[in-house]
Amino acid sequence: MEHLFCDPEEKDRERLCIPYFADIRDSVKAKYGAVDNYLFDDALRKKIFEETVAEARSYWSVREEFWLEKILPWIGENILFICGHEHAKRFEKLVRSRGYDSALVDEYWKRELFSDYEKIWLR
């Protein structure tokens, strides 16, 4: 069974103009004059995070199109494509919009665990 990484590598990201999340965050922080690694101002920290996430999401369709291009040589075969839960329905819709069959196996694998990041010590 063949395995293929589909996320854009650095050269692909440059070509597609997709910045890394950390770069987006740094840009948003600079906009607010926030230079420290940790911000003690909860409201500012939340604002920066929300703006960073919104900006990162604006590149999702470009990434998802890239993924589809990567799997096109195998599109007629059985493929298991694994992506983050926020992309699952979007990617299935993209594949179907191009006229290919697609079935969403699990929209949010391990929702009970990953929906609360405190359970895995990420908050």
PDB file of N, CA and C in Angstrom:
ATOM      1  N   MET A   1       0.851  -1.169   0.000  1.00  0.00           N
ATOM      2  CA  MET A   1       0.000   0.000   0.000  1.00  0.00           C
ATOM      3  C   MET A   1       0.902   1.239   0.000  1.00  0.00           C
ATOM      4  N   GLU A   2       0.691   2.085  -0.943  1.00  0.00           N
ATOM      5  CA  GLU A   2       1.512   3.282  -1.080  1.00  0.00           C
ATOM      6  C   GLU A   2       1.054   4.377  -0.112  1.00  0.00           C
ATOM      7  N   HIS A   3       2.006   5.151   0.372  1.00  0.00           N
ATOM      8  CA  HIS A   3       1.718   6.275   1.253  1.00  0.00           C
ATOM      9  C   HIS A   3       2.245   7.537   0.598  1.00  0.00           C
ATOM     10  N   LEU A   4       1.499   8.619   0.709  1.00  0.00           N
ATOM     11  CA  LEU A   4       1.895   9.873   0.090  1.00  0.00           C
ATOM     12  C   LEU A   4       1.561  11.034   1.015  1.00  0.00           C
ATOM     13  N   PHE A   5       2.556  11.852   1.336  1.00  0.00           N
ATOM     14  CA  PHE A   5       2.288  13.086   2.065  1.00  0.00           C
ATOM     15  C   PHE A   5       1.745  14.105   1.076  1.00  0.00           C
ATOM     16  N   CYS A   6       0.673  14.772   1.427  1.00  0.00           N
ATOM     17  CA  CYS A   6       0.029  15.689   0.487  1.00  0.00           C
ATOM     18  C   CYS A   6       0.096  17.157   0.891  1.00  0.00           C
ATOM     19  N   ASP A   7       0.509  17.449   2.099  1.00  0.00           N
ATOM     20  CA  ASP A   7       0.569  18.850   2.498  1.00  0.00           C
ATOM     21  C   ASP A   7       1.711  19.538   1.758  1.00  0.00           C
ATOM     22  N   PRO A   8       1.525  20.790   1.387  1.00  0.00           N
ATOM     23  CA  PRO A   8       2.587  21.486   0.657  1.00  0.00           C
ATOM     24  C   PRO A   8       3.864  21.629   1.483  1.00  0.00           C
ATOM     25  N   GLU A   9       4.986  21.312   0.853  1.00  0.00           N
ATOM     26  CA  GLU A   9       6.278  21.522   1.494  1.00  0.00           C
ATOM     27  C   GLU A   9       6.666  22.987   1.326  1.00  0.00           C
ATOM     28  N   GLU A  10       7.788  23.356   1.891  1.00  0.00           N
ATOM     29  CA  GLU A  10       8.185  24.766   1.915  1.00  0.00           C
ATOM     30  C   GLU A  10       8.207  25.400   0.522  1.00  0.00           C
ATOM     31  N   LYS A  11       8.795  24.721  -0.447  1.00  0.00           N
ATOM     32  CA  LYS A  11       8.854  25.303  -1.799  1.00  0.00           C
ATOM     33  C   LYS A  11       7.454  25.451  -2.401  1.00  0.00           C
ATOM     34  N   ASP A  12       6.569  24.505  -2.088  1.00  0.00           N
ATOM     35  CA  ASP A  12       5.187  24.593  -2.564  1.00  0.00           C
ATOM     36  C   ASP A  12       4.457  25.756  -1.889  1.00  0.00           C
ATOM     37  N   ARG A  13       4.687  25.900  -0.595  1.00  0.00           N
ATOM     38  CA  ARG A  13       4.051  26.994   0.148  1.00  0.00           C
ATOM     39  C   ARG A  13       4.489  28.347  -0.404  1.00  0.00           C
ATOM     40  N   GLU A  14       5.770  28.451  -0.735  1.00  0.00           N
ATOM     41  CA  GLU A  14       6.272  29.702  -1.311  1.00  0.00           C
ATOM     42  C   GLU A  14       5.610  29.979  -2.660  1.00  0.00           C
ATOM     43  N   ARG A  15       5.546  28.951  -3.506  1.00  0.00           N
ATOM     44  CA  ARG A  15       4.933  29.092  -4.829  1.00  0.00           C
ATOM     45  C   ARG A  15       3.453  29.465  -4.722  1.00  0.00           C
ATOM     46  N   LEU A  16       2.773  28.867  -3.749  1.00  0.00           N
ATOM     47  CA  LEU A  16       1.340  29.100  -3.563  1.00  0.00           C
ATOM     48  C   LEU A  16       1.043  30.297  -2.650  1.00  0.00           C
ATOM     49  N   CYS A  17       2.105  30.903  -2.116  1.00  0.00           N
ATOM     50  CA  CYS A  17       1.975  32.052  -1.195  1.00  0.00           C
ATOM     51  C   CYS A  17       1.181  31.699   0.053  1.00  0.00           C
ATOM     52  N   ILE A  18       1.471  30.521   0.617  1.00  0.00           N
ATOM     53  CA  ILE A  18       0.816  30.081   1.848  1.00  0.00           C
ATOM     54  C   ILE A  18       1.807  30.239   2.993  1.00  0.00           C
ATOM     55  N   PRO A  19       1.585  31.204   3.871  1.00  0.00           N
ATOM     56  CA  PRO A  19       2.509  31.374   4.999  1.00  0.00           C
ATOM     57  C   PRO A  19       2.271  30.320   6.076  1.00  0.00           C
ATOM     58  N   TYR A  20       3.265  30.118   6.911  1.00  0.00           N
ATOM     59  CA  TYR A  20       3.114  29.244   8.066  1.00  0.00           C
ATOM     60  C   TYR A  20       2.306  29.973   9.136  1.00  0.00           C
ATOM     61  N   PHE A  21       1.628  29.191   9.981  1.00  0.00           N
ATOM     62  CA  PHE A  21       0.805  29.762  11.047  1.00  0.00           C
ATOM     63  C   PHE A  21       1.641  30.696  11.919  1.00  0.00           C
ATOM     64  N   ALA A  22       2.842  30.274  12.265  1.00  0.00           N
ATOM     65  CA  ALA A  22       3.703  31.095  13.129  1.00  0.00           C
ATOM     66  C   ALA A  22       4.036  32.431  12.473  1.00  0.00           C
ATOM     67  N   ASP A  23       4.238  32.423  11.173  1.00  0.00           N
ATOM     68  CA  ASP A  23       4.528  33.676  10.464  1.00  0.00           C
ATOM     69  C   ASP A  23       3.318  34.603  10.463  1.00  0.00           C
ATOM     70  N   ILE A  24       2.155  34.018  10.294  1.00  0.00           N
ATOM     71  CA  ILE A  24       0.924  34.824  10.352  1.00  0.00           C
ATOM     72  C   ILE A  24       0.780  35.430  11.739  1.00  0.00           C
ATOM     73  N   ARG A  25       0.986  34.598  12.766  1.00  0.00           N
ATOM     74  CA  ARG A  25       0.879  35.074  14.147  1.00  0.00           C
ATOM     75  C   ARG A  25       1.857  36.216  14.410  1.00  0.00           C
ATOM     76  N   ASP A  26       3.087  36.068  13.948  1.00  0.00           N
ATOM     77  CA  ASP A  26       4.081  37.119  14.152  1.00  0.00           C
ATOM     78  C   ASP A  26       3.666  38.414  13.466  1.00  0.00           C
ATOM     79  N   SER A  27       3.082  38.301  12.297  1.00  0.00           N
ATOM     80  CA  SER A  27       2.609  39.477  11.563  1.00  0.00           C
ATOM     81  C   SER A  27       1.465  40.171  12.308  1.00  0.00           C
ATOM     82  N   VAL A  28       0.544  39.382  12.827  1.00  0.00           N
ATOM     83  CA  VAL A  28      -0.584  39.955  13.580  1.00  0.00           C
ATOM     84  C   VAL A  28      -0.071  40.584  14.874  1.00  0.00           C
ATOM     85  N   LYS A  29       0.846  39.914  15.548  1.00  0.00           N
ATOM     86  CA  LYS A  29       1.426  40.478  16.775  1.00  0.00           C
ATOM     87  C   LYS A  29       2.098  41.814  16.483  1.00  0.00           C
ATOM     88  N   ALA A  30       2.844  41.880  15.389  1.00  0.00           N
ATOM     89  CA  ALA A  30       3.542  43.120  15.020  1.00  0.00           C
ATOM     90  C   ALA A  30       2.541  44.245  14.765  1.00  0.00           C
ATOM     91  N   LYS A  31       1.405  43.898  14.189  1.00  0.00           N
ATOM     92  CA  LYS A  31       0.359  44.888  13.926  1.00  0.00           C
ATOM     93  C   LYS A  31      -0.095  45.571  15.223  1.00  0.00           C
ATOM     94  N   TYR A  32      -0.067  44.809  16.310  1.00  0.00           N
ATOM     95  CA  TYR A  32      -0.478  45.346  17.611  1.00  0.00           C
ATOM     96  C   TYR A  32       0.711  45.770  18.467  1.00  0.00           C
ATOM     97  N   GLY A  33       1.901  45.703  17.917  1.00  0.00           N
ATOM     98  CA  GLY A  33       3.085  46.097  18.666  1.00  0.00           C
ATOM     99  C   GLY A  33       3.434  45.134  19.779  1.00  0.00           C
ATOM    100  N   ALA A  34       2.980  43.899  19.672  1.00  0.00           N
ATOM    101  CA  ALA A  34       3.238  42.885  20.693  1.00  0.00           C
ATOM    102  C   ALA A  34       4.513  42.136  20.320  1.00  0.00           C
ATOM    103  N   VAL A  35       5.560  42.304  21.102  1.00  0.00           N
ATOM    104  CA  VAL A  35       6.848  41.697  20.774  1.00  0.00           C
ATOM    105  C   VAL A  35       7.231  40.540  21.696  1.00  0.00           C
ATOM    106  N   ASP A  36       6.613  40.463  22.862  1.00  0.00           N
ATOM    107  CA  ASP A  36       6.949  39.405  23.812  1.00  0.00           C
ATOM    108  C   ASP A  36       6.427  38.055  23.319  1.00  0.00           C
ATOM    109  N   ASN A  37       7.125  36.985  23.719  1.00  0.00           N
ATOM    110  CA  ASN A  37       6.671  35.634  23.364  1.00  0.00           C
ATOM    111  C   ASN A  37       5.347  35.298  24.027  1.00  0.00           C
ATOM    112  N   TYR A  38       5.194  35.720  25.279  1.00  0.00           N
ATOM    113  CA  TYR A  38       3.930  35.480  25.979  1.00  0.00           C
ATOM    114  C   TYR A  38       3.292  36.812  26.301  1.00  0.00           C
ATOM    115  N   LEU A  39       2.010  36.919  26.003  1.00  0.00           N
ATOM    116  CA  LEU A  39       1.279  38.159  26.275  1.00  0.00           C
ATOM    117  C   LEU A  39       0.420  37.970  27.524  1.00  0.00           C
ATOM    118  N   PHE A  40       0.611  38.837  28.484  1.00  0.00           N
ATOM    119  CA  PHE A  40      -0.142  38.745  29.733  1.00  0.00           C
ATOM    120  C   PHE A  40      -1.537  39.343  29.599  1.00  0.00           C
ATOM    121  N   ASP A  41      -1.744  40.178  28.613  1.00  0.00           N
ATOM    122  CA  ASP A  41      -3.047  40.785  28.363  1.00  0.00           C
ATOM    123  C   ASP A  41      -3.937  39.751  27.671  1.00  0.00           C
ATOM    124  N   ASP A  42      -4.873  39.172  28.448  1.00  0.00           N
ATOM    125  CA  ASP A  42      -5.742  38.114  27.918  1.00  0.00           C
ATOM    126  C   ASP A  42      -6.539  38.567  26.700  1.00  0.00           C
ATOM    127  N   ALA A  43      -7.064  39.784  26.744  1.00  0.00           N
ATOM    128  CA  ALA A  43      -7.884  40.283  25.634  1.00  0.00           C
ATOM    129  C   ALA A  43      -7.052  40.426  24.364  1.00  0.00           C
ATOM    130  N   LEU A  44      -5.854  40.947  24.494  1.00  0.00           N
ATOM    131  CA  LEU A  44      -4.975  41.101  23.331  1.00  0.00           C
ATOM    132  C   LEU A  44      -4.537  39.734  22.804  1.00  0.00           C
ATOM    133  N   ARG A  45      -4.192  38.831  23.710  1.00  0.00           N
ATOM    134  CA  ARG A  45      -3.782  37.490  23.310  1.00  0.00           C
ATOM    135  C   ARG A  45      -4.908  36.795  22.539  1.00  0.00           C
ATOM    136  N   LYS A  46      -6.123  36.938  23.019  1.00  0.00           N
ATOM    137  CA  LYS A  46      -7.280  36.332  22.349  1.00  0.00           C
ATOM    138  C   LYS A  46      -7.501  36.974  20.971  1.00  0.00           C
ATOM    139  N   LYS A  47      -7.406  38.284  20.903  1.00  0.00           N
ATOM    140  CA  LYS A  47      -7.600  39.003  19.648  1.00  0.00           C
ATOM    141  C   LYS A  47      -6.561  38.565  18.612  1.00  0.00           C
ATOM    142  N   ILE A  48      -5.313  38.473  19.032  1.00  0.00           N
ATOM    143  CA  ILE A  48      -4.238  38.051  18.128  1.00  0.00           C
ATOM    144  C   ILE A  48      -4.471  36.622  17.656  1.00  0.00           C
ATOM    145  N   PHE A  49      -4.860  35.750  18.566  1.00  0.00           N
ATOM    146  CA  PHE A  49      -5.123  34.356  18.194  1.00  0.00           C
ATOM    147  C   PHE A  49      -6.264  34.275  17.187  1.00  0.00           C
ATOM    148  N   GLU A  50      -7.367  34.963  17.450  1.00  0.00           N
ATOM    149  CA  GLU A  50      -8.529  34.909  16.554  1.00  0.00           C
ATOM    150  C   GLU A  50      -8.195  35.461  15.168  1.00  0.00           C
ATOM    151  N   GLU A  51      -7.453  36.544  15.116  1.00  0.00           N
ATOM    152  CA  GLU A  51      -7.066  37.113  13.813  1.00  0.00           C
ATOM    153  C   GLU A  51      -6.104  36.185  13.079  1.00  0.00           C
ATOM    154  N   THR A  52      -5.222  35.551  13.820  1.00  0.00           N
ATOM    155  CA  THR A  52      -4.271  34.620  13.210  1.00  0.00           C
ATOM    156  C   THR A  52      -5.011  33.424  12.613  1.00  0.00           C
ATOM    157  N   VAL A  53      -5.941  32.875  13.365  1.00  0.00           N
ATOM    158  CA  VAL A  53      -6.721  31.734  12.875  1.00  0.00           C
ATOM    159  C   VAL A  53      -7.524  32.129  11.638  1.00  0.00           C
ATOM    160  N   ALA A  54      -8.156  33.295  11.668  1.00  0.00           N
ATOM    161  CA  ALA A  54      -8.945  33.750  10.518  1.00  0.00           C
ATOM    162  C   ALA A  54      -8.067  33.901   9.279  1.00  0.00           C
ATOM    163  N   GLU A  55      -6.892  34.465   9.454  1.00  0.00           N
ATOM    164  CA  GLU A  55      -5.976  34.632   8.328  1.00  0.00           C
ATOM    165  C   GLU A  55      -5.500  33.274   7.809  1.00  0.00           C
ATOM    166  N   ALA A  56      -5.171  32.358   8.713  1.00  0.00           N
ATOM    167  CA  ALA A  56      -4.725  31.019   8.301  1.00  0.00           C
ATOM    168  C   ALA A  56      -5.829  30.306   7.521  1.00  0.00           C
ATOM    169  N   ARG A  57      -7.062  30.458   7.966  1.00  0.00           N
ATOM    170  CA  ARG A  57      -8.187  29.819   7.267  1.00  0.00           C
ATOM    171  C   ARG A  57      -8.366  30.356   5.850  1.00  0.00           C
ATOM    172  N   SER A  58      -7.941  31.568   5.605  1.00  0.00           N
ATOM    173  CA  SER A  58      -8.108  32.132   4.267  1.00  0.00           C
ATOM    174  C   SER A  58      -7.259  31.389   3.234  1.00  0.00           C
ATOM    175  N   TYR A  59      -6.310  30.581   3.683  1.00  0.00           N
ATOM    176  CA  TYR A  59      -5.466  29.798   2.784  1.00  0.00           C
ATOM    177  C   TYR A  59      -5.913  28.345   2.662  1.00  0.00           C
ATOM    178  N   TRP A  60      -6.944  27.950   3.381  1.00  0.00           N
ATOM    179  CA  TRP A  60      -7.368  26.559   3.378  1.00  0.00           C
ATOM    180  C   TRP A  60      -7.737  26.058   1.989  1.00  0.00           C
ATOM    181  N   SER A  61      -8.474  26.843   1.244  1.00  0.00           N
ATOM    182  CA  SER A  61      -8.906  26.366  -0.076  1.00  0.00           C
ATOM    183  C   SER A  61      -7.712  26.133  -0.996  1.00  0.00           C
ATOM    184  N   VAL A  62      -6.680  26.952  -0.860  1.00  0.00           N
ATOM    185  CA  VAL A  62      -5.472  26.764  -1.672  1.00  0.00           C
ATOM    186  C   VAL A  62      -4.801  25.440  -1.291  1.00  0.00           C
ATOM    187  N   ARG A  63      -4.699  25.173  -0.009  1.00  0.00           N
ATOM    188  CA  ARG A  63      -4.100  23.909   0.461  1.00  0.00           C
ATOM    189  C   ARG A  63      -4.922  22.717   0.002  1.00  0.00           C
ATOM    190  N   GLU A  64      -6.244  22.819   0.125  1.00  0.00           N
ATOM    191  CA  GLU A  64      -7.114  21.698  -0.249  1.00  0.00           C
ATOM    192  C   GLU A  64      -7.043  21.426  -1.750  1.00  0.00           C
ATOM    193  N   GLU A  65      -6.951  22.459  -2.552  1.00  0.00           N
ATOM    194  CA  GLU A  65      -6.766  22.286  -3.998  1.00  0.00           C
ATOM    195  C   GLU A  65      -5.434  21.572  -4.272  1.00  0.00           C
ATOM    196  N   PHE A  66      -4.412  21.940  -3.532  1.00  0.00           N
ATOM    197  CA  PHE A  66      -3.108  21.298  -3.669  1.00  0.00           C
ATOM    198  C   PHE A  66      -3.216  19.808  -3.348  1.00  0.00           C
ATOM    199  N   TRP A  67      -3.920  19.477  -2.257  1.00  0.00           N
ATOM    200  CA  TRP A  67      -4.109  18.073  -1.881  1.00  0.00           C
ATOM    201  C   TRP A  67      -4.759  17.298  -3.013  1.00  0.00           C
ATOM    202  N   LEU A  68      -5.822  17.884  -3.586  1.00  0.00           N
ATOM    203  CA  LEU A  68      -6.534  17.201  -4.660  1.00  0.00           C
ATOM    204  C   LEU A  68      -5.610  16.962  -5.860  1.00  0.00           C
ATOM    205  N   GLU A  69      -4.825  17.953  -6.205  1.00  0.00           N
ATOM    206  CA  GLU A  69      -3.871  17.787  -7.299  1.00  0.00           C
ATOM    207  C   GLU A  69      -2.908  16.626  -7.023  1.00  0.00           C
ATOM    208  N   LYS A  70      -2.482  16.504  -5.766  1.00  0.00           N
ATOM    209  CA  LYS A  70      -1.528  15.451  -5.398  1.00  0.00           C
ATOM    210  C   LYS A  70      -2.131  14.052  -5.560  1.00  0.00           C
ATOM    211  N   ILE A  71      -3.422  13.897  -5.285  1.00  0.00           N
ATOM    212  CA  ILE A  71      -4.023  12.558  -5.338  1.00  0.00           C
ATOM    213  C   ILE A  71      -4.670  12.239  -6.688  1.00  0.00           C
ATOM    214  N   LEU A  72      -4.736  13.204  -7.586  1.00  0.00           N
ATOM    215  CA  LEU A  72      -5.395  12.968  -8.879  1.00  0.00           C
ATOM    216  C   LEU A  72      -4.879  11.745  -9.639  1.00  0.00           C
ATOM    217  N   PRO A  73      -3.569  11.460  -9.619  1.00  0.00           N
ATOM    218  CA  PRO A  73      -3.129  10.259 -10.345  1.00  0.00           C
ATOM    219  C   PRO A  73      -3.758   8.960  -9.836  1.00  0.00           C
ATOM    220  N   TRP A  74      -4.273   8.948  -8.620  1.00  0.00           N
ATOM    221  CA  TRP A  74      -4.861   7.750  -8.025  1.00  0.00           C
ATOM    222  C   TRP A  74      -6.361   7.905  -7.784  1.00  0.00           C
ATOM    223  N   ILE A  75      -6.974   8.916  -8.334  1.00  0.00           N
ATOM    224  CA  ILE A  75      -8.352   9.264  -7.970  1.00  0.00           C
ATOM    225  C   ILE A  75      -9.358   8.155  -8.283  1.00  0.00           C
ATOM    226  N   GLY A  76      -9.074   7.291  -9.225  1.00  0.00           N
ATOM    227  CA  GLY A  76      -9.999   6.202  -9.543  1.00  0.00           C
ATOM    228  C   GLY A  76      -9.844   4.994  -8.647  1.00  0.00           C
ATOM    229  N   GLU A  77      -8.849   5.022  -7.771  1.00  0.00           N
ATOM    230  CA  GLU A  77      -8.597   3.901  -6.873  1.00  0.00           C
ATOM    231  C   GLU A  77      -9.188   4.199  -5.497  1.00  0.00           C
ATOM    232  N   ASN A  78      -9.161   3.203  -4.630  1.00  0.00           N
ATOM    233  CA  ASN A  78      -9.560   3.428  -3.243  1.00  0.00           C
ATOM    234  C   ASN A  78      -8.449   4.193  -2.544  1.00  0.00           C
ATOM    235  N   ILE A  79      -8.784   5.344  -2.007  1.00  0.00           N
ATOM    236  CA  ILE A  79      -7.816   6.199  -1.330  1.00  0.00           C
ATOM    237  C   ILE A  79      -8.355   6.494   0.064  1.00  0.00           C
ATOM    238  N   LEU A  80      -7.503   6.421   1.035  1.00  0.00           N
ATOM    239  CA  LEU A  80      -7.836   6.904   2.377  1.00  0.00           C
ATOM    240  C   LEU A  80      -7.055   8.192   2.561  1.00  0.00           C
ATOM    241  N   PHE A  81      -7.769   9.299   2.619  1.00  0.00           N
ATOM    242  CA  PHE A  81      -7.129  10.600   2.776  1.00  0.00           C
ATOM    243  C   PHE A  81      -7.376  11.073   4.200  1.00  0.00           C
ATOM    244  N   ILE A  82      -6.321  11.356   4.909  1.00  0.00           N
ATOM    245  CA  ILE A  82      -6.431  11.771   6.308  1.00  0.00           C
ATOM    246  C   ILE A  82      -6.064  13.241   6.411  1.00  0.00           C
ATOM    247  N   CYS A  83      -6.970  14.008   7.011  1.00  0.00           N
ATOM    248  CA  CYS A  83      -6.728  15.433   7.196  1.00  0.00           C
ATOM    249  C   CYS A  83      -7.370  15.869   8.507  1.00  0.00           C
ATOM    250  N   GLY A  84      -7.120  17.085   8.891  1.00  0.00           N
ATOM    251  CA  GLY A  84      -7.699  17.615  10.115  1.00  0.00           C
ATOM    252  C   GLY A  84      -9.221  17.705  10.029  1.00  0.00           C
ATOM    253  N   HIS A  85      -9.863  17.611  11.173  1.00  0.00           N
ATOM    254  CA  HIS A  85     -11.328  17.583  11.190  1.00  0.00           C
ATOM    255  C   HIS A  85     -11.954  18.829  10.573  1.00  0.00           C
ATOM    256  N   GLU A  86     -11.280  19.954  10.629  1.00  0.00           N
ATOM    257  CA  GLU A  86     -11.848  21.173  10.063  1.00  0.00           C
ATOM    258  C   GLU A  86     -11.845  21.145   8.530  1.00  0.00           C
ATOM    259  N   HIS A  87     -11.081  20.228   7.955  1.00  0.00           N
ATOM    260  CA  HIS A  87     -10.999  20.113   6.503  1.00  0.00           C
ATOM    261  C   HIS A  87     -11.848  18.975   5.947  1.00  0.00           C
ATOM    262  N   ALA A  88     -12.270  18.048   6.781  1.00  0.00           N
ATOM    263  CA  ALA A  88     -12.893  16.808   6.299  1.00  0.00           C
ATOM    264  C   ALA A  88     -14.079  17.060   5.367  1.00  0.00           C
ATOM    265  N   LYS A  89     -15.079  17.769   5.824  1.00  0.00           N
ATOM    266  CA  LYS A  89     -16.256  18.023   4.983  1.00  0.00           C
ATOM    267  C   LYS A  89     -15.901  18.906   3.791  1.00  0.00           C
ATOM    268  N   ARG A  90     -15.044  19.883   4.019  1.00  0.00           N
ATOM    269  CA  ARG A  90     -14.646  20.801   2.939  1.00  0.00           C
ATOM    270  C   ARG A  90     -13.949  20.034   1.817  1.00  0.00           C
ATOM    271  N   PHE A  91     -13.029  19.128   2.200  1.00  0.00           N
ATOM    272  CA  PHE A  91     -12.280  18.402   1.192  1.00  0.00           C
ATOM    273  C   PHE A  91     -13.189  17.419   0.453  1.00  0.00           C
ATOM    274  N   GLU A  92     -14.068  16.756   1.182  1.00  0.00           N
ATOM    275  CA  GLU A  92     -15.009  15.843   0.511  1.00  0.00           C
ATOM    276  C   GLU A  92     -15.862  16.615  -0.498  1.00  0.00           C
ATOM    277  N   LYS A  93     -16.318  17.784  -0.117  1.00  0.00           N
ATOM    278  CA  LYS A  93     -17.128  18.610  -1.019  1.00  0.00           C
ATOM    279  C   LYS A  93     -16.327  19.020  -2.259  1.00  0.00           C
ATOM    280  N   LEU A  94     -15.058  19.372  -2.066  1.00  0.00           N
ATOM    281  CA  LEU A  94     -14.205  19.737  -3.190  1.00  0.00           C
ATOM    282  C   LEU A  94     -14.045  18.559  -4.152  1.00  0.00           C
ATOM    283  N   VAL A  95     -13.752  17.380  -3.612  1.00  0.00           N
ATOM    284  CA  VAL A  95     -13.573  16.183  -4.448  1.00  0.00           C
ATOM    285  C   VAL A  95     -14.843  15.906  -5.237  1.00  0.00           C
ATOM    286  N   ARG A  96     -15.988  15.955  -4.565  1.00  0.00           N
ATOM    287  CA  ARG A  96     -17.270  15.710  -5.241  1.00  0.00           C
ATOM    288  C   ARG A  96     -17.574  16.789  -6.281  1.00  0.00           C
ATOM    289  N   SER A  97     -17.205  18.039  -5.992  1.00  0.00           N
ATOM    290  CA  SER A  97     -17.480  19.132  -6.930  1.00  0.00           C
ATOM    291  C   SER A  97     -16.722  18.950  -8.240  1.00  0.00           C
ATOM    292  N   ARG A  98     -15.662  18.169  -8.204  1.00  0.00           N
ATOM    293  CA  ARG A  98     -14.870  17.892  -9.406  1.00  0.00           C
ATOM    294  C   ARG A  98     -15.345  16.623 -10.115  1.00  0.00           C
ATOM    295  N   GLY A  99     -16.437  16.031  -9.595  1.00  0.00           N
ATOM    296  CA  GLY A  99     -17.027  14.871 -10.256  1.00  0.00           C
ATOM    297  C   GLY A  99     -16.493  13.527  -9.821  1.00  0.00           C
ATOM    298  N   TYR A 100     -15.775  13.479  -8.717  1.00  0.00           N
ATOM    299  CA  TYR A 100     -15.222  12.224  -8.225  1.00  0.00           C
ATOM    300  C   TYR A 100     -16.038  11.736  -7.033  1.00  0.00           C
ATOM    301  N   ASP A 101     -16.101  10.412  -6.890  1.00  0.00           N
ATOM    302  CA  ASP A 101     -16.785   9.826  -5.744  1.00  0.00           C
ATOM    303  C   ASP A 101     -15.952  10.042  -4.489  1.00  0.00           C
ATOM    304  N   SER A 102     -16.653  10.211  -3.389  1.00  0.00           N
ATOM    305  CA  SER A 102     -15.984  10.399  -2.117  1.00  0.00           C
ATOM    306  C   SER A 102     -16.929   9.982  -1.000  1.00  0.00           C
ATOM    307  N   ALA A 103     -16.384   9.391   0.030  1.00  0.00           N
ATOM    308  CA  ALA A 103     -17.164   9.016   1.211  1.00  0.00           C
ATOM    309  C   ALA A 103     -16.395   9.460   2.447  1.00  0.00           C
ATOM    310  N   LEU A 104     -17.047  10.195   3.297  1.00  0.00           N
ATOM    311  CA  LEU A 104     -16.423  10.663   4.529  1.00  0.00           C
ATOM    312  C   LEU A 104     -16.544   9.563   5.579  1.00  0.00           C
ATOM    313  N   VAL A 105     -15.419   8.990   5.959  1.00  0.00           N
ATOM    314  CA  VAL A 105     -15.420   7.868   6.900  1.00  0.00           C
ATOM    315  C   VAL A 105     -15.696   8.365   8.309  1.00  0.00           C
ATOM    316  N   ASP A 106     -15.007   9.412   8.721  1.00  0.00           N
ATOM    317  CA  ASP A 106     -15.192   9.954  10.066  1.00  0.00           C
ATOM    318  C   ASP A 106     -14.867  11.439  10.021  1.00  0.00           C
ATOM    319  N   GLU A 107     -15.863  12.244  10.254  1.00  0.00           N
ATOM    320  CA  GLU A 107     -15.710  13.699  10.176  1.00  0.00           C
ATOM    321  C   GLU A 107     -14.785  14.254  11.248  1.00  0.00           C
ATOM    322  N   TYR A 108     -14.775  13.618  12.405  1.00  0.00           N
ATOM    323  CA  TYR A 108     -14.006  14.158  13.529  1.00  0.00           C
ATOM    324  C   TYR A 108     -13.554  12.986  14.390  1.00  0.00           C
ATOM    325  N   TRP A 109     -12.453  12.351  13.974  1.00  0.00           N
ATOM    326  CA  TRP A 109     -11.948  11.176  14.666  1.00  0.00           C
ATOM    327  C   TRP A 109     -11.556  11.543  16.091  1.00  0.00           C
ATOM    328  N   LYS A 110     -12.014  10.748  17.019  1.00  0.00           N
ATOM    329  CA  LYS A 110     -11.721  10.937  18.448  1.00  0.00           C
ATOM    330  C   LYS A 110     -12.204  12.297  18.966  1.00  0.00           C
ATOM    331  N   ARG A 111     -13.391  12.707  18.527  1.00  0.00           N
ATOM    332  CA  ARG A 111     -13.963  13.981  18.966  1.00  0.00           C
ATOM    333  C   ARG A 111     -13.939  14.114  20.489  1.00  0.00           C
ATOM    334  N   GLU A 112     -14.248  13.017  21.173  1.00  0.00           N
ATOM    335  CA  GLU A 112     -14.315  13.065  22.637  1.00  0.00           C
ATOM    336  C   GLU A 112     -12.983  13.442  23.262  1.00  0.00           C
ATOM    337  N   LEU A 113     -11.900  13.175  22.558  1.00  0.00           N
ATOM    338  CA  LEU A 113     -10.582  13.525  23.070  1.00  0.00           C
ATOM    339  C   LEU A 113     -10.134  14.885  22.546  1.00  0.00           C
ATOM    340  N   PHE A 114     -10.173  15.075  21.235  1.00  0.00           N
ATOM    341  CA  PHE A 114      -9.585  16.257  20.624  1.00  0.00           C
ATOM    342  C   PHE A 114     -10.461  17.504  20.691  1.00  0.00           C
ATOM    343  N   SER A 115     -11.730  17.359  21.038  1.00  0.00           N
ATOM    344  CA  SER A 115     -12.572  18.550  21.149  1.00  0.00           C
ATOM    345  C   SER A 115     -12.263  19.326  22.422  1.00  0.00           C
ATOM    346  N   ASP A 116     -11.554  18.726  23.338  1.00  0.00           N
ATOM    347  CA  ASP A 116     -11.157  19.409  24.568  1.00  0.00           C
ATOM    348  C   ASP A 116      -9.646  19.267  24.723  1.00  0.00           C
ATOM    349  N   TYR A 117      -8.925  20.260  24.241  1.00  0.00           N
ATOM    350  CA  TYR A 117      -7.465  20.166  24.227  1.00  0.00           C
ATOM    351  C   TYR A 117      -6.863  20.109  25.621  1.00  0.00           C
ATOM    352  N   GLU A 118      -7.616  20.455  26.652  1.00  0.00           N
ATOM    353  CA  GLU A 118      -7.086  20.333  28.011  1.00  0.00           C
ATOM    354  C   GLU A 118      -6.810  18.862  28.337  1.00  0.00           C
ATOM    355  N   LYS A 119      -7.575  17.957  27.709  1.00  0.00           N
ATOM    356  CA  LYS A 119      -7.378  16.536  27.971  1.00  0.00           C
ATOM    357  C   LYS A 119      -6.024  16.050  27.471  1.00  0.00           C
ATOM    358  N   ILE A 120      -5.480  16.739  26.491  1.00  0.00           N
ATOM    359  CA  ILE A 120      -4.172  16.330  25.966  1.00  0.00           C
ATOM    360  C   ILE A 120      -3.121  17.405  26.258  1.00  0.00           C
ATOM    361  N   TRP A 121      -3.376  18.203  27.234  1.00  0.00           N
ATOM    362  CA  TRP A 121      -2.424  19.186  27.788  1.00  0.00           C
ATOM    363  C   TRP A 121      -1.964  20.247  26.785  1.00  0.00           C
ATOM    364  N   LEU A 122      -2.869  20.688  25.922  1.00  0.00           N
ATOM    365  CA  LEU A 122      -2.503  21.735  24.973  1.00  0.00           C
ATOM    366  C   LEU A 122      -3.060  23.104  25.367  1.00  0.00           C
ATOM    367  N   ARG A 123      -3.658  23.180  26.539  1.00  0.00           N
ATOM    368  CA  ARG A 123      -4.120  24.483  27.027  1.00  0.00           C
ATOM    369  C   ARG A 123      -3.556  24.735  28.385  1.00  0.00           C
TER     370      ARG A 123
END
